[in-house]
Each structure stands twice: as structure tokens, then as C-alpha cells.
């Protein structure tokens, strides 16, 4: 996801606010992962779903805008 946001072609289509929101969510998730390496698999899945719930609507909105 981070590479997607930093990609020039894709990143240019995102607003600065959306980029910041995604990057903040990624940073928060990475910090959680660093501090919870012994967490259960379902905890990792929950964290991934949480990150996806933030990122996916932004990316979907970007693609809808590009297609329409």
C-alpha cells in the first residue's frame, strides 16, 4: 500500500489529505506490528482489516474518479 501511494502515477491522483491519512494508518499499523510480534493470527487479521477499511475506500474513490 505504501508503495502504491508513493507511485508517481497513482499518488498524483490522491489528495494530500488522503495520502496523509493512508500513510498515518500504515505507520500506526507498523508500530503496532513492531510491538505485537507475538500476537495471535486473528489479531494480525483484525489489524489488516482495520488498515484496509481506511485505505480501500480512498483507493476505490480514486479509481472511480479516474474512470468517470
Protein backbone atom coordinates (compact mmCIF):
# COMPACT_ATOMS: atom_id res chain seq x y z
CA UNK A 1 0.00 0.00 0.00
CA UNK A 2 2.79 2.40 0.88
CA UNK A 3 4.43 1.79 -2.50
CA UNK A 4 1.10 2.40 -4.22
CA UNK A 5 0.73 5.79 -2.56
CA UNK A 6 4.32 6.74 -3.36
CA UNK A 7 3.97 5.71 -7.01
CA UNK A 8 4.03 8.92 -9.06
CA UNK A 9 1.13 7.99 -11.33
CA UNK A 10 -1.16 6.84 -8.54
CA UNK A 11 0.00 9.25 -5.84
CA UNK A 12 -0.66 12.20 -8.12
CA UNK A 13 -4.33 11.23 -8.26
CA UNK A 14 -4.72 11.33 -4.47
CA UNK A 15 -5.28 14.47 -2.47
CA UNK A 16 -2.65 15.37 0.10
CA UNK A 17 -5.19 14.67 2.85
CA UNK A 18 -5.90 11.18 1.51
CA UNK A 19 -2.18 10.42 1.15
CA UNK A 20 -1.57 11.57 4.72
CA UNK A 21 -4.49 9.50 6.02
CA UNK A 22 -3.14 6.35 4.32
CA UNK A 23 0.44 6.98 5.41
CA UNK A 24 -0.64 7.64 9.01
CA UNK A 25 -2.68 4.42 9.03
CA UNK A 26 0.28 2.46 7.65
CA UNK A 27 2.67 3.97 10.20
CA UNK A 28 0.28 3.19 13.05
CA UNK A 29 -0.10 -0.39 11.85
CA UNK A 30 3.66 -0.86 11.51
CA UNK A 31 4.17 0.46 15.03
CA UNK A 32 1.55 -1.98 16.29
CA UNK A 33 3.21 -4.86 14.43
CA UNK A 34 6.61 -3.96 15.90
CA UNK A 35 5.18 -4.02 19.40
CA UNK A 36 3.00 -7.10 18.98
CA UNK A 37 5.09 -9.65 17.14
CA UNK A 38 3.78 -12.42 19.37
CA UNK A 39 0.13 -11.59 18.76
CA UNK A 40 -2.30 -14.26 17.64
CA UNK A 41 -3.13 -14.70 13.96
CA UNK A 42 -6.64 -13.29 14.43
CA UNK A 43 -5.17 -10.12 15.93
CA UNK A 44 -2.99 -9.66 12.84
CA UNK A 45 -6.02 -10.24 10.62
CA UNK A 46 -8.05 -7.69 12.58
CA UNK A 47 -5.27 -5.12 12.21
CA UNK A 48 -5.06 -5.81 8.49
CA UNK A 49 -8.84 -5.40 8.11
CA UNK A 50 -8.63 -2.14 10.04
CA UNK A 51 -5.95 -0.84 7.68
CA UNK A 52 -7.93 -1.99 4.64
CA UNK A 53 -11.05 -0.24 5.94
CA UNK A 54 -9.13 3.04 5.85
CA UNK A 55 -7.23 2.55 2.59
CA UNK A 56 -9.68 0.72 0.34
CA UNK A 57 -12.37 3.44 0.20
CA UNK A 58 -9.75 6.05 -0.69
CA UNK A 59 -8.25 3.91 -3.45
CA UNK A 60 -11.72 2.98 -4.74
CA UNK A 61 -12.70 6.65 -4.85
CA UNK A 62 -9.51 7.43 -6.78
CA UNK A 63 -10.25 4.72 -9.38
CA UNK A 64 -13.89 5.82 -9.71
CA UNK A 65 -12.72 9.37 -10.39
CA UNK A 66 -10.24 8.15 -13.00
CA UNK A 67 -12.85 6.04 -14.78
CA UNK A 68 -15.64 8.57 -14.77
